[in-house]
């Protein structure tokens, strides 16, 4: 089974349904009333959060006045959304809103990530991710914590896969991330050493935004991820901006939203150190921690 699972078909279907509704000048509230559904249910469908039954798709299409040909195409796409990726086997260990992201991540050709607070999950060592998970979820038992570590390690495999070709990971890290120690200082040193080694891989670019760089455009945006998808397909997915927090996630893919974050990324790139200088700074911080131990 392709690791991209059903995420992309779900997103495409949701986007098409939203376009049909908007072109018919039907509001979410009006559609929900006509279908006798809740408005959040329609929102979950339109954002690709959950798979859809072809009959539900047809019901929506009929409310929007879609042609028989369009209804059949939408039903066919709905059938594609039933496939499950590997992440579904972890059940409640991975939140539904994050399953959507993991599927998109697996389907992306390029992942751009700005991180203001932590080493990104795709680059974390086991020691680092274990402390992060324990800090965020102190109520979890040992088995549940291990499951979350396993999920993060499974996600990291995509950077080494051969088929489909591994995505390019482009990371800009705030220097403060590198200087924020773990409780186990030696574990943080090993994490920094791992970043130096990992950043030399052909499909990974790691740059550091030094503290002395000053403000960048829309610095208030905080941590975010930009996912780019294959462009040589019939209906390419738009670049998607992803941000998450303790209670859920935000996905942005409208043209003006993408333009804003492209400008943010460009501003960050202008201020970040080049890859070689970034590796040198990471190594120097690791040495400072070693000497101070």
Protein backbone atom coordinates (compact mmCIF):
# COMPACT_ATOMS: atom_id res chain seq x y z
CA UNK A 1 0.00 0.00 0.00
CA UNK A 2 1.28 3.47 -0.94
CA UNK A 3 2.15 5.44 2.19
CA UNK A 4 0.32 8.45 0.82
CA UNK A 5 -2.88 6.56 1.63
CA UNK A 6 -6.19 8.31 1.04
CA UNK A 7 -5.17 11.81 2.09
CA UNK A 8 -4.68 13.42 -1.31
CA UNK A 9 -7.92 12.03 -2.84
CA UNK A 10 -9.79 13.20 0.26
CA UNK A 11 -8.35 16.68 -0.06
CA UNK A 12 -9.10 16.85 -3.77
CA UNK A 13 -12.66 15.68 -3.20
CA UNK A 14 -13.20 18.20 -0.41
CA UNK A 15 -11.84 21.03 -2.54
CA UNK A 16 -14.10 20.09 -5.47
CA UNK A 17 -17.14 19.90 -3.20
CA UNK A 18 -16.35 23.30 -1.69
CA UNK A 19 -16.03 24.78 -5.19
CA UNK A 20 -19.35 23.25 -6.25
CA UNK A 21 -21.06 24.68 -3.16
CA UNK A 22 -19.55 28.15 -3.56
CA UNK A 23 -20.30 28.27 -7.30
CA UNK A 24 -23.92 27.40 -6.47
CA UNK A 25 -23.97 30.25 -3.90
CA UNK A 26 -24.94 27.82 -1.13
CA UNK A 27 -23.63 28.58 2.35
CA UNK A 28 -22.41 25.85 4.70
CA UNK A 29 -25.36 26.59 6.97
CA UNK A 30 -27.86 26.28 4.12
CA UNK A 31 -26.28 23.07 2.87
CA UNK A 32 -26.31 21.57 6.36
CA UNK A 33 -29.99 22.43 6.77
CA UNK A 34 -30.92 20.92 3.39
CA UNK A 35 -28.96 17.73 4.05
CA UNK A 36 -30.02 17.54 7.72
CA UNK A 37 -26.38 17.39 8.76
CA UNK A 38 -24.33 19.52 11.11
CA UNK A 39 -22.21 22.34 9.69
CA UNK A 40 -19.02 20.82 11.20
CA UNK A 41 -19.69 17.62 9.25
CA UNK A 42 -19.64 19.53 5.97
CA UNK A 43 -16.50 21.37 7.07
CA UNK A 44 -14.75 18.05 7.82
CA UNK A 45 -15.67 16.78 4.37
CA UNK A 46 -14.55 19.94 2.59
CA UNK A 47 -11.17 20.00 4.36
CA UNK A 48 -10.50 16.31 3.73
CA UNK A 49 -10.45 15.43 7.42
CA UNK A 50 -12.44 12.20 6.96
CA UNK A 51 -13.23 9.77 4.13
CA UNK A 52 -16.62 10.07 2.44
CA UNK A 53 -19.21 7.54 1.35
CA UNK A 54 -20.12 7.94 -2.34
CA UNK A 55 -23.80 8.31 -1.40
CA UNK A 56 -23.01 11.30 0.84
CA UNK A 57 -21.02 12.85 -1.98
CA UNK A 58 -23.93 12.40 -4.35
CA UNK A 59 -26.33 13.97 -1.85
CA UNK A 60 -24.12 17.06 -1.59
CA UNK A 61 -23.70 17.29 -5.35
CA UNK A 62 -27.47 17.18 -5.88
CA UNK A 63 -28.00 20.04 -3.41
CA UNK A 64 -25.45 22.06 -5.41
CA UNK A 65 -27.12 21.24 -8.75
CA UNK A 66 -24.16 19.29 -10.17
CA UNK A 67 -24.49 17.49 -13.50
CA UNK A 68 -24.80 13.67 -13.66
CA UNK A 69 -21.26 13.49 -15.11
CA UNK A 70 -19.85 15.53 -12.22
CA UNK A 71 -21.71 13.40 -9.68
CA UNK A 72 -20.20 10.22 -11.11
CA UNK A 73 -16.67 11.69 -11.05
CA UNK A 74 -17.15 12.75 -7.44
CA UNK A 75 -18.46 9.29 -6.49
CA UNK A 76 -15.40 7.68 -8.08
CA UNK A 77 -13.06 9.98 -6.16
CA UNK A 78 -14.95 9.18 -2.94
CA UNK A 79 -14.23 5.48 -3.44
CA UNK A 80 -10.50 6.30 -3.55
CA UNK A 81 -10.68 7.96 -0.12
CA UNK A 82 -11.37 4.64 1.61
CA UNK A 83 -7.76 3.43 1.41
CA UNK A 84 -5.80 3.67 4.68
CA UNK A 85 -2.15 4.60 5.19
CA UNK A 86 0.13 3.00 7.81
CA UNK A 87 -0.75 5.71 10.38
CA UNK A 88 -4.32 4.44 10.77
CA UNK A 89 -3.05 1.29 12.49
CA UNK A 90 -1.95 3.33 15.53
CA UNK A 91 -5.54 4.15 16.54
CA UNK A 92 -5.88 6.76 19.27
CA UNK A 93 -2.12 7.17 19.60
CA UNK A 94 -2.34 9.57 16.69
CA UNK A 95 -5.06 12.23 16.56
CA UNK A 96 -7.40 12.35 13.55
CA UNK A 97 -6.35 15.90 12.70
CA UNK A 98 -2.70 14.81 12.63
CA UNK A 99 -3.46 11.76 10.45
CA UNK A 100 -4.37 14.19 7.70
CA UNK A 101 -1.00 15.90 8.06
CA UNK A 102 0.97 12.63 8.08
CA UNK A 103 -0.74 11.61 4.86
CA UNK A 104 0.05 14.94 3.22
CA UNK A 105 3.64 14.76 4.47
CA UNK A 106 4.01 11.31 2.89
CA UNK A 107 2.66 12.60 -0.44
CA UNK A 108 4.80 15.77 -0.57
CA UNK A 109 7.82 16.24 -2.83
CA UNK A 110 9.20 19.08 -0.72
CA UNK A 111 8.71 19.92 2.95
CA UNK A 112 9.68 23.39 4.14
CA UNK A 113 9.66 23.88 7.88
CA UNK A 114 10.43 26.86 10.08
CA UNK A 115 10.81 25.90 13.73
CA UNK A 116 10.90 28.44 16.54
CA UNK A 117 10.86 26.15 19.59
CA UNK A 118 11.84 22.52 19.01
CA UNK A 119 13.93 20.30 16.78
CA UNK A 120 11.43 19.17 14.11
CA UNK A 121 9.97 15.70 14.59
CA UNK A 122 11.55 14.44 11.34
CA UNK A 123 15.00 15.25 12.74
CA UNK A 124 14.62 14.29 16.40
CA UNK A 125 16.68 11.58 18.05
CA UNK A 126 14.85 8.99 20.16
CA UNK A 127 16.12 10.64 23.35
CA UNK A 128 14.89 14.06 22.26
CA UNK A 129 11.45 12.92 21.13
CA UNK A 130 11.02 10.84 24.29
CA UNK A 131 11.54 13.89 26.51
CA UNK A 132 9.27 16.06 24.34
CA UNK A 133 6.45 13.49 24.47
CA UNK A 134 6.87 12.96 28.23
CA UNK A 135 6.81 16.73 28.83
CA UNK A 136 3.74 17.31 26.65
CA UNK A 137 1.82 14.25 27.88
CA UNK A 138 2.84 13.46 31.48
CA UNK A 139 -0.39 11.47 31.97
CA UNK A 140 0.51 8.84 29.36
CA UNK A 141 1.65 5.37 30.36
CA UNK A 142 4.86 3.82 29.10
CA UNK A 143 3.14 1.87 26.30
CA UNK A 144 1.37 4.98 25.00
CA UNK A 145 4.56 7.00 25.02
CA UNK A 146 6.36 4.24 23.14
CA UNK A 147 3.58 4.20 20.53
CA UNK A 148 4.09 7.93 19.94
CA UNK A 149 7.83 7.46 19.62
CA UNK A 150 7.19 4.65 17.11
CA UNK A 151 4.95 6.94 15.06
CA UNK A 152 7.62 9.63 14.91
CA UNK A 153 10.28 7.11 13.90
CA UNK A 154 7.96 5.71 11.22
CA UNK A 155 7.45 9.22 9.84
CA UNK A 156 11.22 9.68 9.60
CA UNK A 157 11.46 6.74 7.18
CA UNK A 158 10.03 8.83 4.36
CA UNK A 159 13.30 10.79 4.17
CA UNK A 160 15.16 7.60 3.22
CA UNK A 161 12.59 5.89 0.99
CA UNK A 162 13.42 4.97 -2.59
CA UNK A 163 9.93 4.62 -4.09
CA UNK A 164 8.36 7.06 -4.40
CA UNK A 165 11.41 9.29 -4.28
CA UNK A 166 12.05 10.77 -0.84
CA UNK A 167 10.92 14.38 -0.43
CA UNK A 168 13.39 17.21 0.01
CA UNK A 169 13.33 18.55 3.57
CA UNK A 170 14.26 22.22 3.90
CA UNK A 171 14.45 23.33 7.55
CA UNK A 172 15.18 26.72 9.06
CA UNK A 173 15.80 26.50 12.80
CA UNK A 174 15.80 29.41 15.20
CA UNK A 175 19.12 29.42 17.05
CA UNK A 176 17.24 29.34 20.36
CA UNK A 177 16.10 25.79 19.51
CA UNK A 178 19.72 24.67 19.56
CA UNK A 179 20.46 26.36 22.88
CA UNK A 180 17.40 25.06 24.74
CA UNK A 181 18.78 22.01 26.59
CA UNK A 182 17.09 18.77 27.54
CA UNK A 183 17.13 17.65 31.17
CA UNK A 184 19.88 15.27 30.08
CA UNK A 185 22.53 17.64 28.71
CA UNK A 186 24.44 14.79 27.07
CA UNK A 187 21.29 13.76 25.19
CA UNK A 188 21.00 17.31 23.80
CA UNK A 189 24.62 17.18 22.68
CA UNK A 190 23.88 13.93 20.84
CA UNK A 191 20.86 15.59 19.22
CA UNK A 192 23.04 18.45 17.98
CA UNK A 193 25.63 15.98 16.68
CA UNK A 194 22.83 14.13 14.85
CA UNK A 195 21.69 17.38 13.22
CA UNK A 196 25.21 17.99 11.90
CA UNK A 197 25.33 14.50 10.35
CA UNK A 198 21.76 14.53 9.03
CA UNK A 199 22.16 17.95 7.40
CA UNK A 200 24.78 16.46 5.06
CA UNK A 201 22.25 14.14 3.40
CA UNK A 202 21.47 14.97 -0.22
CA UNK A 203 17.75 15.61 0.35
CA UNK A 204 18.02 17.60 3.58
CA UNK A 205 18.88 21.27 3.91
CA UNK A 206 19.29 22.67 7.42
CA UNK A 207 19.83 26.36 8.02
CA UNK A 208 19.98 28.29 11.28
CA UNK A 209 18.34 31.65 11.87
CA UNK A 210 20.86 33.32 14.22
CA UNK A 211 19.62 35.30 17.18
CA UNK A 212 21.49 38.31 15.79
CA UNK A 213 19.49 38.22 12.55
CA UNK A 214 16.78 40.46 13.92
CA UNK A 215 13.13 40.42 12.86
CA UNK A 216 11.93 38.72 9.70
CA UNK A 217 8.69 39.42 7.88
CA UNK A 218 5.63 38.24 9.80
CA UNK A 219 7.75 36.94 12.68
CA UNK A 220 4.51 36.63 14.63
CA UNK A 221 3.56 33.67 12.42
CA UNK A 222 5.64 31.32 14.59
CA UNK A 223 6.37 27.72 13.63
CA UNK A 224 4.88 26.49 10.34
CA UNK A 225 5.32 23.86 7.63
CA UNK A 226 4.86 24.27 3.87
CA UNK A 227 4.14 21.15 1.83
CA UNK A 228 4.68 21.10 -1.95
CA UNK A 229 3.24 18.29 -4.06
CA UNK A 230 3.98 16.68 -7.44
CA UNK A 231 3.30 19.15 -10.24
CA UNK A 232 3.39 16.72 -13.17
CA UNK A 233 -0.06 15.26 -12.45
CA UNK A 234 -3.45 16.05 -13.97
CA UNK A 235 -4.85 17.85 -10.92
CA UNK A 236 -1.89 18.93 -8.75
CA UNK A 237 -2.43 19.63 -5.09
CA UNK A 238 -1.81 23.25 -4.07
CA UNK A 239 1.01 24.07 -1.68
CA UNK A 240 -0.36 23.64 1.84
CA UNK A 241 0.64 25.55 4.96
CA UNK A 242 0.26 23.61 8.19
CA UNK A 243 0.37 24.77 11.81
CA UNK A 244 -0.63 22.84 14.90
CA UNK A 245 -1.00 23.12 18.66
CA UNK A 246 -2.29 21.18 21.66
CA UNK A 247 -5.91 21.24 20.45
CA UNK A 248 -5.71 20.82 16.71
CA UNK A 249 -4.33 22.06 13.43
CA UNK A 250 -4.82 24.69 10.75
CA UNK A 251 -4.43 23.97 7.03
CA UNK A 252 -4.15 26.87 4.56
CA UNK A 253 -4.11 26.41 0.78
CA UNK A 254 -5.78 29.45 -0.79
CA UNK A 255 -3.71 31.45 -3.27
CA UNK A 256 -3.42 34.58 -1.12
CA UNK A 257 -2.50 32.48 1.96
CA UNK A 258 0.24 30.67 0.04
CA UNK A 259 1.59 34.01 -1.22
CA UNK A 260 1.85 35.37 2.32
CA UNK A 261 3.79 32.37 3.58
CA UNK A 262 6.03 32.31 0.49
CA UNK A 263 6.99 35.86 1.48
CA UNK A 264 7.61 34.76 5.08
CA UNK A 265 9.78 31.87 3.88
CA UNK A 266 11.71 34.17 1.54
CA UNK A 267 12.35 36.61 4.39
CA UNK A 268 13.56 33.80 6.64
CA UNK A 269 15.85 32.48 3.91
CA UNK A 270 17.43 35.91 3.44
CA UNK A 271 18.40 36.02 7.14
CA UNK A 272 19.32 32.38 7.79
CA UNK A 273 22.92 31.19 7.63
CA UNK A 274 23.94 29.03 4.64
CA UNK A 275 24.00 25.23 5.28
CA UNK A 276 27.78 25.01 5.84
CA UNK A 277 27.85 27.90 8.31
CA UNK A 278 24.78 26.46 10.01
CA UNK A 279 26.54 23.13 10.56
CA UNK A 280 29.54 24.97 11.98
CA UNK A 281 27.32 26.88 14.41
CA UNK A 282 25.50 23.71 15.53
CA UNK A 283 28.85 21.98 16.11
CA UNK A 284 30.12 25.01 18.06
CA UNK A 285 27.05 25.03 20.32
CA UNK A 286 27.49 21.28 20.92
CA UNK A 287 31.12 21.93 21.93
CA UNK A 288 30.01 24.74 24.30
CA UNK A 289 27.61 22.33 25.99
CA UNK A 290 30.29 19.64 26.18
CA UNK A 291 32.85 22.00 27.69
CA UNK A 292 30.26 23.33 30.16
CA UNK A 293 29.17 19.89 31.33
